Amino acid sequence: MEDDILADIPLKDELVRLWHTGLTFVSDLLQPGWKLWQLVIVLGLVALAWLIRKWLGDRMTAWMRTQTGRPKWQLRWLVIVRNRLGLITFAVLAWAVYLVMQDLFRWPSRSYLVGLAATIGTAWMIVSFVARLVRNPFLRKIVNWGLWAYVTVFYLGILDETKQVLDNLAISVGDFRLSLLGAITALIVIGILFTGARFVAQTTSSRISRNEDISPSMRVLVVKLLQIVLYAGAFFLGLKAVGFDLTGLAVLSGAIGVGLGFGLQKVVSNLVSGVIILLDKSIKPGDVITIGDTFGWINSLTARYVSITTRDGKEYLVPNEDLITGLVVNWSHSNQLVRLDIYFGTAYGDDPHLVRSVAIDAAKGTKRVLSSKEPVCHIVGFGDSSVDYILRFWIADPTDGLTNIRGNVYLALWDAFREHGISIPFPQREVKHLNGAPAKSLEGPDGAEMLGRD
């Protein structure tokens, strides 16, 4: 108990000292004189910058809506600049007023606070642009606010006192001590390292994706492993850089591993299945597959699921485990060649030799049907109303759809049959009335017809 009390005394003294320092600074500012006038000027510049941002921001937004032909990265940066018009305007106005006051009064003390506000405003503006490099929204806010606070206390000259207060705000469990200063520093460092890791991962991934010597599935696997290594390395290096003991994390990671084994079996199964899919190359981005009633092509492979895009624009997220344990039809596993079959029938009065020849020529003349693997047509049976045929042909682009090419071949058959006088029959039924049977004998007691009764 005594140790805890002694530990609280420096923190209490530091807070009291900072409080009195702040009160003295504020009371000094409010005294009549040049400091008060400078404070009024700074507040006036803040109000003027807000009004200019409101007026200029609306016009900039209306102008950007007309720039539909610009590249996306230019529009994105225009949006970033518009959102920071307030800081930019304040920094420009503050520096202009500071330079004018320096030139007029020649006394640094009469423009010191305006110059300090201009310096802090410029630093805030730079930080707001630099923080955009952090992709994660939560980490971006932490980095943004952390750097804003840092540059503010740095230029105010109270950096050491602020560090002391934040370091005294700590939680101690045994030999482990976590201070507020350490937590904030860790988040800022990890955010910066994550940004660097993301930049390296994106640059390397783009180069790997353009390497035609590596199969598509291996490209995805290498990129995923690279991202895991870089982000994990950034996380642990960030903790190590701010003085965290990683020995305790080893025990924590072991406990997390046990929890994954028992509580997250499906998640782990999907992760392992994703690695197996990438290693055995059973499916890869761009493959056309059928799983259950879903037909589409592989859009992307992730650690947990596979994204399948269908012809109607729907995107199915299929867990990796289903692709390992279920039946999957890969239309383009070893090559892009796909054979399609369509069935039709013609009248018994038509020459079957002519029908086969006309059907093959019609398929050959259809776009997307391969000429290197010629279509074939065979008789498959004699039906009640027609002679039944099967027409088989090959395509090399299943990603462009299967139903549409079947429809085009059917249209080609229709046109070719009409040109050669070949008819496509339809079922017909012949109904006979028995002679001499009274009409009422065909009705039941309730007036319903009794067809089929003698």
Protein backbone atom coordinates (compact mmCIF):
# COMPACT_ATOMS: atom_id res chain seq x y z
CA MET A 1 0.00 0.00 0.00
CA GLU A 2 2.85 2.37 0.90
CA ASP A 3 4.51 1.68 -2.44
CA ASP A 4 1.31 2.62 -4.26
CA ILE A 5 1.00 5.86 -2.29
CA LEU A 6 4.61 6.77 -3.00
CA ALA A 7 4.12 5.99 -6.65
CA ASP A 8 1.15 8.38 -6.81
CA ILE A 9 2.99 11.34 -5.23
CA PRO A 10 5.19 12.27 -8.28
CA LEU A 11 2.20 12.03 -10.60
CA LYS A 12 0.07 14.21 -8.32
CA ASP A 13 2.84 16.79 -7.97
CA GLU A 14 3.37 16.83 -11.73
CA LEU A 15 -0.33 17.31 -12.42
CA VAL A 16 -0.56 20.12 -9.89
CA ARG A 17 2.49 21.81 -11.35
CA LEU A 18 1.09 21.54 -14.90
CA TRP A 19 -2.26 22.88 -13.72
CA HIS A 20 -0.66 25.93 -12.10
CA THR A 21 1.52 26.47 -15.15
CA GLY A 22 -1.55 26.40 -17.40
CA LEU A 23 -3.46 28.80 -15.14
CA THR A 24 -0.50 31.16 -15.09
CA PHE A 25 -0.21 31.02 -18.88
CA VAL A 26 -3.92 31.71 -19.42
CA SER A 27 -4.05 34.52 -16.88
CA ASP A 28 -0.97 36.05 -18.45
CA LEU A 29 -2.67 35.94 -21.87
CA LEU A 30 -5.79 37.64 -20.58
CA GLN A 31 -3.88 40.58 -19.12
CA PRO A 32 -4.34 43.79 -21.17
CA GLY A 33 -1.46 44.19 -23.58
CA TRP A 34 0.03 42.72 -26.74
CA LYS A 35 -0.46 39.11 -25.68
CA LEU A 36 -4.20 39.64 -25.41
CA TRP A 37 -4.26 41.41 -28.77
CA GLN A 38 -2.34 38.52 -30.34
CA LEU A 39 -4.83 36.06 -28.85
CA VAL A 40 -7.70 38.07 -30.35
CA ILE A 41 -5.91 38.11 -33.72
CA VAL A 42 -5.41 34.32 -33.64
CA LEU A 43 -9.08 33.72 -32.76
CA GLY A 44 -10.11 36.10 -35.53
CA LEU A 45 -7.92 34.20 -38.01
CA VAL A 46 -9.58 30.94 -36.92
CA ALA A 47 -13.03 32.39 -37.56
CA LEU A 48 -11.95 33.87 -40.92
CA ALA A 49 -10.39 30.55 -41.98
CA TRP A 50 -13.63 28.74 -41.11
CA LEU A 51 -15.69 31.17 -43.22
CA ILE A 52 -13.29 30.89 -46.17
CA ARG A 53 -13.33 27.10 -45.90
CA LYS A 54 -17.14 27.10 -45.94
CA TRP A 55 -17.32 29.41 -48.96
CA LEU A 56 -14.47 27.88 -50.95
CA GLY A 57 -15.32 24.27 -50.01
CA ASP A 58 -18.81 24.44 -51.52
CA ARG A 59 -17.49 25.86 -54.79
CA MET A 60 -14.67 23.35 -54.91
CA THR A 61 -17.16 20.51 -54.40
CA ALA A 62 -19.33 21.80 -57.26
CA TRP A 63 -16.26 22.09 -59.49
CA MET A 64 -15.06 18.56 -58.67
CA ARG A 65 -18.43 17.11 -59.68
CA THR A 66 -17.80 18.37 -63.22
CA GLN A 67 -14.36 16.69 -63.41
CA THR A 68 -15.64 13.22 -64.27
CA GLY A 69 -12.89 12.57 -66.79
CA ARG A 70 -10.01 12.99 -64.33
CA PRO A 71 -8.14 9.93 -62.96
CA LYS A 72 -9.36 8.62 -59.64
CA TRP A 73 -6.12 9.41 -57.81
CA GLN A 74 -6.41 13.08 -58.78
CA LEU A 75 -10.02 13.27 -57.59
CA ARG A 76 -9.03 11.53 -54.35
CA TRP A 77 -6.33 14.10 -53.64
CA LEU A 78 -8.69 16.94 -54.50
CA VAL A 79 -11.09 15.57 -51.86
CA ILE A 80 -8.23 15.36 -49.34
CA VAL A 81 -7.26 18.99 -50.04
CA ARG A 82 -10.90 20.13 -49.76
CA ASN A 83 -11.28 18.44 -46.38
CA ARG A 84 -8.20 20.32 -45.12
CA LEU A 85 -9.02 23.74 -46.49
CA GLY A 86 -9.51 25.08 -42.96
CA LEU A 87 -5.99 24.19 -41.82
CA ILE A 88 -4.45 25.34 -45.09
CA THR A 89 -6.27 28.68 -44.97
CA PHE A 90 -5.42 29.28 -41.31
CA ALA A 91 -1.73 28.53 -41.88
CA VAL A 92 -1.54 30.87 -44.89
CA LEU A 93 -3.39 33.70 -43.09
CA ALA A 94 -1.39 33.29 -39.87
CA TRP A 95 1.95 33.44 -41.67
CA ALA A 96 0.82 36.47 -43.69
CA VAL A 97 -0.28 38.33 -40.53
CA TYR A 98 2.90 37.30 -38.70
CA LEU A 99 5.15 38.62 -41.48
CA VAL A 100 3.20 41.89 -41.61
CA MET A 101 3.47 42.31 -37.82
CA GLN A 102 7.19 41.54 -37.91
CA ASP A 103 7.68 44.18 -40.59
CA LEU A 104 5.57 46.80 -38.79
CA PHE A 105 6.54 46.46 -35.12
CA ARG A 106 10.07 45.03 -35.30
CA TRP A 107 9.53 43.61 -31.81
CA PRO A 108 9.41 39.79 -31.70
CA SER A 109 7.36 39.81 -28.49
CA ARG A 110 4.49 41.61 -30.20
CA SER A 111 4.08 38.87 -32.84
CA TYR A 112 5.40 35.81 -30.98
CA LEU A 113 2.01 34.18 -30.30
CA VAL A 114 0.84 34.72 -33.88
CA GLY A 115 4.04 33.09 -35.18
CA LEU A 116 3.59 30.22 -32.71
CA ALA A 117 0.00 29.69 -33.90
CA ALA A 118 1.17 29.78 -37.55
CA THR A 119 3.89 27.20 -36.79
CA ILE A 120 1.50 24.84 -34.98
CA GLY A 121 -1.15 25.26 -37.70
CA THR A 122 1.40 24.42 -40.41
CA ALA A 123 2.57 21.37 -38.46
CA TRP A 124 -1.04 20.20 -38.06
CA MET A 125 -1.60 20.62 -41.80
CA ILE A 126 1.50 18.54 -42.65
CA VAL A 127 0.51 15.85 -40.15
CA SER A 128 -3.01 15.62 -41.63
CA PHE A 129 -1.53 14.94 -45.08
CA VAL A 130 1.10 12.47 -43.83
CA ALA A 131 -1.51 10.52 -41.82
CA ARG A 132 -3.35 9.72 -45.07
CA LEU A 133 -0.61 7.20 -45.81
CA VAL A 134 -2.03 4.98 -43.05
CA ARG A 135 -4.75 2.89 -44.70
CA ASN A 136 -6.49 1.56 -41.58
CA PRO A 137 -9.03 4.20 -40.36
CA PHE A 138 -8.51 3.45 -36.66
CA LEU A 139 -4.71 3.56 -36.84
CA ARG A 140 -4.93 6.67 -39.03
CA LYS A 141 -6.90 8.50 -36.34
CA ILE A 142 -4.46 7.37 -33.65
CA VAL A 143 -1.46 8.53 -35.69
CA ASN A 144 -3.19 11.77 -36.63
CA TRP A 145 -4.23 12.79 -33.13
CA GLY A 146 -1.00 11.51 -31.60
CA LEU A 147 1.19 13.55 -33.93
CA TRP A 148 -1.06 16.60 -33.51
CA ALA A 149 -0.66 16.38 -29.74
CA TYR A 150 3.09 15.82 -30.08
CA VAL A 151 3.77 18.86 -32.30
CA THR A 152 1.52 21.01 -30.09
CA VAL A 153 3.31 20.24 -26.82
CA PHE A 154 6.67 20.37 -28.64
CA TYR A 155 6.21 23.92 -29.90
CA LEU A 156 4.62 25.01 -26.61
CA GLY A 157 7.77 23.85 -24.85
CA ILE A 158 6.11 21.41 -22.44
CA LEU A 159 7.16 18.16 -24.11
CA ASP A 160 9.21 16.84 -21.19
CA GLU A 161 6.53 17.63 -18.63
CA THR A 162 3.84 15.95 -20.78
CA LYS A 163 6.00 12.85 -21.21
CA GLN A 164 6.50 12.64 -17.47
CA VAL A 165 2.76 12.85 -16.78
CA LEU A 166 1.85 10.26 -19.42
CA ASP A 167 4.59 7.94 -18.22
CA ASN A 168 3.34 8.14 -14.65
CA LEU A 169 -0.17 7.14 -15.79
CA ALA A 170 0.65 3.43 -15.83
CA ILE A 171 -0.71 0.02 -14.91
CA SER A 172 1.65 -2.42 -13.21
CA VAL A 173 1.02 -6.17 -13.01
CA GLY A 174 4.00 -7.91 -11.46
CA ASP A 175 7.04 -7.01 -13.54
CA PHE A 176 4.88 -5.81 -16.42
CA ARG A 177 4.27 -2.06 -16.60
CA LEU A 178 2.13 -0.36 -19.25
CA SER A 179 2.06 3.43 -19.27
CA LEU A 180 -0.18 5.69 -21.30
CA LEU A 181 2.90 7.13 -22.98
CA GLY A 182 4.08 3.67 -23.99
CA ALA A 183 0.66 2.70 -25.34
CA ILE A 184 0.34 5.88 -27.43
CA THR A 185 3.91 5.56 -28.70
CA ALA A 186 3.35 1.90 -29.57
CA LEU A 187 0.21 2.70 -31.57
CA ILE A 188 1.94 5.50 -33.47
CA VAL A 189 5.05 3.41 -34.23
CA ILE A 190 2.96 0.39 -35.26
CA GLY A 191 0.85 2.62 -37.52
CA ILE A 192 3.97 3.98 -39.21
CA LEU A 193 5.48 0.51 -39.58
CA PHE A 194 2.20 -0.86 -40.94
CA THR A 195 2.19 1.91 -43.53
CA GLY A 196 5.71 0.98 -44.60
CA ALA A 197 4.79 -2.72 -44.66
CA ARG A 198 1.73 -1.99 -46.80
CA PHE A 199 3.82 0.03 -49.27
CA VAL A 200 6.42 -2.75 -49.56
CA ALA A 201 3.71 -5.41 -49.86
CA GLN A 202 1.84 -3.54 -52.61
CA THR A 203 5.02 -2.82 -54.57
CA THR A 204 6.25 -6.40 -54.33
CA SER A 205 2.80 -7.86 -55.01
CA SER A 206 2.42 -5.87 -58.22
CA ARG A 207 5.76 -7.18 -59.45
CA ILE A 208 4.89 -10.76 -58.52
CA SER A 209 1.49 -10.47 -60.22
CA ARG A 210 3.17 -9.43 -63.48
CA ASN A 211 5.59 -12.36 -63.41
CA GLU A 212 4.31 -14.83 -66.00
CA ASP A 213 6.84 -17.49 -64.94
CA ILE A 214 4.88 -18.08 -61.70
CA SER A 215 1.50 -19.78 -61.81
CA PRO A 216 -1.52 -17.68 -60.68
CA SER A 217 -2.11 -19.77 -57.55
CA MET A 218 1.55 -19.51 -56.51
CA ARG A 219 1.43 -15.74 -57.04
CA VAL A 220 -1.49 -15.50 -54.62
CA LEU A 221 0.28 -17.77 -52.10
CA VAL A 222 3.52 -15.78 -52.24
CA VAL A 223 1.66 -12.49 -51.85
CA LYS A 224 -0.33 -13.78 -48.85
CA LEU A 225 2.79 -15.12 -47.13
CA LEU A 226 4.61 -11.87 -47.82
CA GLN A 227 1.79 -9.83 -46.31
CA ILE A 228 1.68 -12.04 -43.19
CA VAL A 229 5.44 -11.76 -42.67
CA LEU A 230 5.54 -7.99 -43.23
CA TYR A 231 2.54 -7.12 -41.06
CA ALA A 232 3.56 -9.51 -38.27
CA GLY A 233 7.10 -8.13 -38.40
CA ALA A 234 5.80 -4.55 -38.26
CA PHE A 235 3.63 -5.39 -35.24
CA PHE A 236 6.38 -7.06 -33.21
CA LEU A 237 9.04 -4.52 -34.22
CA GLY A 238 6.68 -1.74 -33.14
CA LEU A 239 6.22 -3.34 -29.72
CA LYS A 240 9.95 -3.96 -29.39
CA ALA A 241 10.81 -0.40 -30.43
CA VAL A 242 8.85 1.07 -27.53
CA GLY A 243 10.28 -1.34 -24.97
CA PHE A 244 7.60 -4.02 -24.65
CA ASP A 245 8.81 -7.38 -23.40
CA LEU A 246 7.92 -9.95 -26.08
CA THR A 247 8.41 -12.86 -23.66
CA GLY A 248 4.95 -12.33 -22.26
CA LEU A 249 3.53 -12.30 -25.78
CA ALA A 250 4.95 -15.78 -26.37
CA VAL A 251 2.80 -17.13 -23.53
CA LEU A 252 -0.18 -15.15 -24.82
CA SER A 253 0.27 -16.51 -28.34
CA GLY A 254 0.33 -20.05 -26.94
CA ALA A 255 -2.96 -19.43 -25.16
CA ILE A 256 -4.42 -17.95 -28.32
CA GLY A 257 -3.28 -21.03 -30.24
CA VAL A 258 -5.12 -23.32 -27.82
CA GLY A 259 -8.22 -21.14 -28.13
CA LEU A 260 -8.03 -21.34 -31.91
CA GLY A 261 -7.79 -25.10 -31.77
CA PHE A 262 -10.89 -25.52 -29.63
CA GLY A 263 -13.13 -22.56 -30.32
CA LEU A 264 -12.33 -21.56 -33.90
CA GLN A 265 -12.11 -24.89 -35.66
CA LYS A 266 -14.01 -23.72 -38.73
CA VAL A 267 -11.88 -20.60 -39.09
CA VAL A 268 -8.65 -22.59 -38.79
CA SER A 269 -10.02 -25.22 -41.17
CA ASN A 270 -10.75 -22.55 -43.78
CA LEU A 271 -7.30 -21.03 -43.33
CA VAL A 272 -5.57 -24.39 -43.77
CA SER A 273 -7.84 -25.27 -46.69
CA GLY A 274 -6.92 -21.98 -48.35
CA VAL A 275 -3.22 -22.82 -48.11
CA ILE A 276 -3.88 -26.32 -49.51
CA ILE A 277 -5.82 -24.89 -52.45
CA LEU A 278 -2.94 -22.56 -53.27
CA LEU A 279 -0.36 -25.32 -52.95
CA ASP A 280 -2.09 -28.04 -54.98
CA LYS A 281 -3.25 -25.52 -57.64
CA SER A 282 -6.66 -27.17 -57.90
CA ILE A 283 -8.27 -23.78 -58.56
CA LYS A 284 -6.75 -20.42 -59.38
CA PRO A 285 -7.99 -16.91 -60.18
CA GLY A 286 -9.74 -16.89 -63.53
CA ASP A 287 -10.85 -20.55 -63.46
CA VAL A 288 -14.45 -21.30 -64.39
CA ILE A 289 -16.01 -23.64 -61.84
CA THR A 290 -19.34 -25.11 -60.84
CA ILE A 291 -20.00 -25.84 -57.18
CA GLY A 292 -23.50 -27.03 -56.40
CA ASP A 293 -25.87 -24.86 -58.43
CA THR A 294 -23.38 -22.00 -58.66
CA PHE A 295 -21.56 -21.47 -61.96
CA GLY A 296 -19.00 -18.69 -62.33
CA TRP A 297 -15.34 -17.83 -62.41
CA ILE A 298 -12.86 -17.34 -59.59
CA ASN A 299 -12.49 -13.66 -58.83
CA SER A 300 -10.05 -13.86 -55.92
CA LEU A 301 -8.62 -16.27 -53.37
CA THR A 302 -8.43 -15.12 -49.75
CA ALA A 303 -7.32 -16.75 -46.54
CA ARG A 304 -10.89 -17.70 -45.53
CA TYR A 305 -13.01 -17.87 -48.67
CA VAL A 306 -13.03 -17.90 -52.46
CA SER A 307 -14.89 -15.17 -54.35
CA ILE A 308 -16.92 -16.54 -57.30
CA THR A 309 -18.56 -14.12 -59.72
CA THR A 310 -21.51 -15.43 -61.74
CA ARG A 311 -22.80 -14.28 -65.12
CA ASP A 312 -25.63 -12.33 -63.52
CA GLY A 313 -23.19 -10.20 -61.51
CA LYS A 314 -23.65 -11.93 -58.15
CA GLU A 315 -20.56 -12.60 -56.06
CA TYR A 316 -20.56 -15.73 -53.91
CA LEU A 317 -18.11 -16.08 -51.02
CA VAL A 318 -17.54 -19.83 -50.72
CA PRO A 319 -15.58 -21.05 -47.65
CA ASN A 320 -12.33 -22.76 -48.56
CA GLU A 321 -13.35 -25.89 -46.66
CA ASP A 322 -16.30 -26.46 -49.04
CA LEU A 323 -13.93 -26.47 -52.01
CA ILE A 324 -11.73 -29.07 -50.35
CA THR A 325 -14.42 -31.46 -49.12
CA GLY A 326 -17.15 -30.93 -51.74
CA LEU A 327 -17.51 -31.74 -55.44
CA VAL A 328 -16.17 -28.96 -57.66
CA VAL A 329 -16.31 -28.91 -61.45
CA ASN A 330 -13.35 -26.93 -62.78
CA TRP A 331 -14.04 -26.18 -66.42
CA SER A 332 -10.54 -24.78 -66.97
CA HIS A 333 -8.32 -26.76 -64.62
CA SER A 334 -5.73 -28.03 -67.09
CA ASN A 335 -6.83 -25.99 -70.12
CA GLN A 336 -9.56 -23.63 -71.28
CA LEU A 337 -11.17 -26.10 -73.70
CA VAL A 338 -14.81 -26.94 -72.91
CA ARG A 339 -17.12 -29.25 -74.86
CA LEU A 340 -20.81 -28.39 -75.02
CA ASP A 341 -23.70 -30.61 -76.11
CA ILE A 342 -27.07 -29.53 -77.47
CA TYR A 343 -29.99 -31.77 -78.43
CA PHE A 344 -32.54 -31.32 -81.20
CA GLY A 345 -34.88 -33.38 -83.38
CA THR A 346 -36.06 -33.32 -87.00
CA ALA A 347 -38.98 -34.87 -88.86
CA TYR A 348 -38.81 -38.44 -90.08
CA GLY A 349 -39.18 -37.23 -93.64
CA ASP A 350 -35.85 -35.35 -93.57
CA ASP A 351 -32.62 -36.99 -94.77
CA PRO A 352 -30.51 -37.67 -91.62
CA HIS A 353 -27.28 -37.37 -93.62
CA LEU A 354 -28.27 -33.90 -94.76
CA VAL A 355 -29.35 -32.96 -91.22
CA ARG A 356 -25.98 -33.94 -89.77
CA SER A 357 -24.03 -32.06 -92.43
CA VAL A 358 -26.15 -28.92 -92.09
CA ALA A 359 -25.90 -28.99 -88.27
CA ILE A 360 -22.09 -29.31 -88.34
CA ASP A 361 -21.74 -26.46 -90.85
CA ALA A 362 -24.07 -24.27 -88.77
CA ALA A 363 -21.97 -24.88 -85.63
CA LYS A 364 -18.73 -24.16 -87.52
CA GLY A 365 -20.07 -20.81 -88.65
CA THR A 366 -20.90 -19.67 -85.11
CA LYS A 367 -18.50 -17.31 -83.40
CA ARG A 368 -16.47 -18.76 -80.48
CA VAL A 369 -16.89 -22.35 -81.74
CA LEU A 370 -13.43 -23.84 -82.33
CA SER A 371 -12.54 -24.96 -85.85
CA SER A 372 -9.44 -26.84 -84.64
CA LYS A 373 -11.71 -29.35 -82.87
CA GLU A 374 -14.50 -29.84 -85.37
CA PRO A 375 -18.10 -30.22 -84.22
CA VAL A 376 -19.75 -33.62 -84.55
CA CYS A 377 -23.40 -34.63 -84.85
CA HIS A 378 -24.87 -38.07 -84.09
CA ILE A 379 -28.28 -39.71 -84.06
CA VAL A 380 -29.14 -40.69 -80.49
CA GLY A 381 -32.58 -42.22 -80.97
CA PHE A 382 -35.93 -42.39 -82.75
CA GLY A 383 -38.51 -40.53 -80.75
CA ASP A 384 -42.31 -40.48 -80.93
CA SER A 385 -42.35 -37.43 -83.16
CA SER A 386 -38.79 -36.90 -84.36
CA VAL A 387 -35.37 -38.32 -85.07
CA ASP A 388 -33.22 -37.18 -82.13
CA TYR A 389 -29.69 -35.82 -82.59
CA ILE A 390 -26.84 -34.55 -80.40
CA LEU A 391 -24.50 -31.81 -81.63
CA ARG A 392 -21.15 -31.48 -79.86
CA PHE A 393 -18.75 -28.57 -80.25
CA TRP A 394 -15.80 -27.01 -78.38
CA ILE A 395 -15.04 -23.53 -77.07
CA ALA A 396 -11.90 -22.05 -75.49
CA ASP A 397 -13.39 -19.16 -73.52
CA PRO A 398 -15.82 -20.48 -70.87
CA THR A 399 -15.46 -17.22 -68.92
CA ASP A 400 -17.51 -15.52 -71.64
CA GLY A 401 -20.50 -17.71 -70.79
CA LEU A 402 -22.02 -21.03 -71.81
CA THR A 403 -25.72 -20.26 -72.19
CA ASN A 404 -25.10 -17.53 -74.75
CA ILE A 405 -23.01 -19.74 -77.04
CA ARG A 406 -25.63 -22.49 -76.85
CA GLY A 407 -28.27 -19.97 -77.83
CA ASN A 408 -26.19 -18.75 -80.77
CA VAL A 409 -25.74 -22.30 -82.05
CA TYR A 410 -29.48 -22.96 -81.75
CA LEU A 411 -30.17 -19.81 -83.79
CA ALA A 412 -27.67 -20.94 -86.42
CA LEU A 413 -29.43 -24.33 -86.61
CA TRP A 414 -32.81 -22.63 -87.00
CA ASP A 415 -31.59 -20.49 -89.89
CA ALA A 416 -29.79 -23.39 -91.58
CA PHE A 417 -32.80 -25.74 -91.28
CA ARG A 418 -35.16 -23.15 -92.77
CA GLU A 419 -32.75 -22.61 -95.64
CA HIS A 420 -32.56 -26.33 -96.45
CA GLY A 421 -36.23 -27.09 -95.82
CA ILE A 422 -35.61 -29.22 -92.71
CA SER A 423 -38.50 -29.16 -90.29
CA ILE A 424 -38.45 -29.40 -86.51
CA PRO A 425 -41.55 -31.41 -85.49
CA PHE A 426 -43.61 -31.02 -82.37
CA PRO A 427 -45.74 -33.68 -80.61
CA GLN A 428 -49.21 -34.22 -82.10
CA ARG A 429 -52.15 -36.21 -80.68
CA GLU A 430 -55.10 -37.64 -82.59
CA VAL A 431 -58.51 -37.80 -80.84
CA LYS A 432 -61.27 -40.09 -82.22
CA HIS A 433 -64.96 -40.16 -81.31
CA LEU A 434 -66.69 -43.57 -81.30
CA ASN A 435 -69.56 -43.78 -83.81
CA GLY A 436 -73.06 -44.20 -82.33
CA ALA A 437 -72.09 -43.29 -78.77
CA PRO A 438 -74.62 -40.83 -77.30
CA ALA A 439 -73.11 -37.59 -76.09
CA LYS A 440 -74.57 -37.97 -72.59
CA SER A 441 -72.76 -41.30 -72.17
CA LEU A 442 -69.52 -39.30 -72.12
CA GLU A 443 -70.61 -37.45 -69.01
CA GLY A 444 -70.78 -38.56 -65.41
CA PRO A 445 -73.68 -38.08 -63.05
CA ASP A 446 -72.44 -34.61 -62.17
CA GLY A 447 -71.99 -33.54 -65.78
CA ALA A 448 -68.19 -34.14 -65.85
CA GLU A 449 -66.67 -35.86 -68.86
CA MET A 450 -65.80 -39.55 -68.42
CA LEU A 451 -63.03 -39.87 -70.98
CA GLY A 452 -61.28 -43.20 -71.32
CA ARG A 453 -64.31 -45.24 -70.12
CA ASP A 454 -65.88 -47.75 -72.55
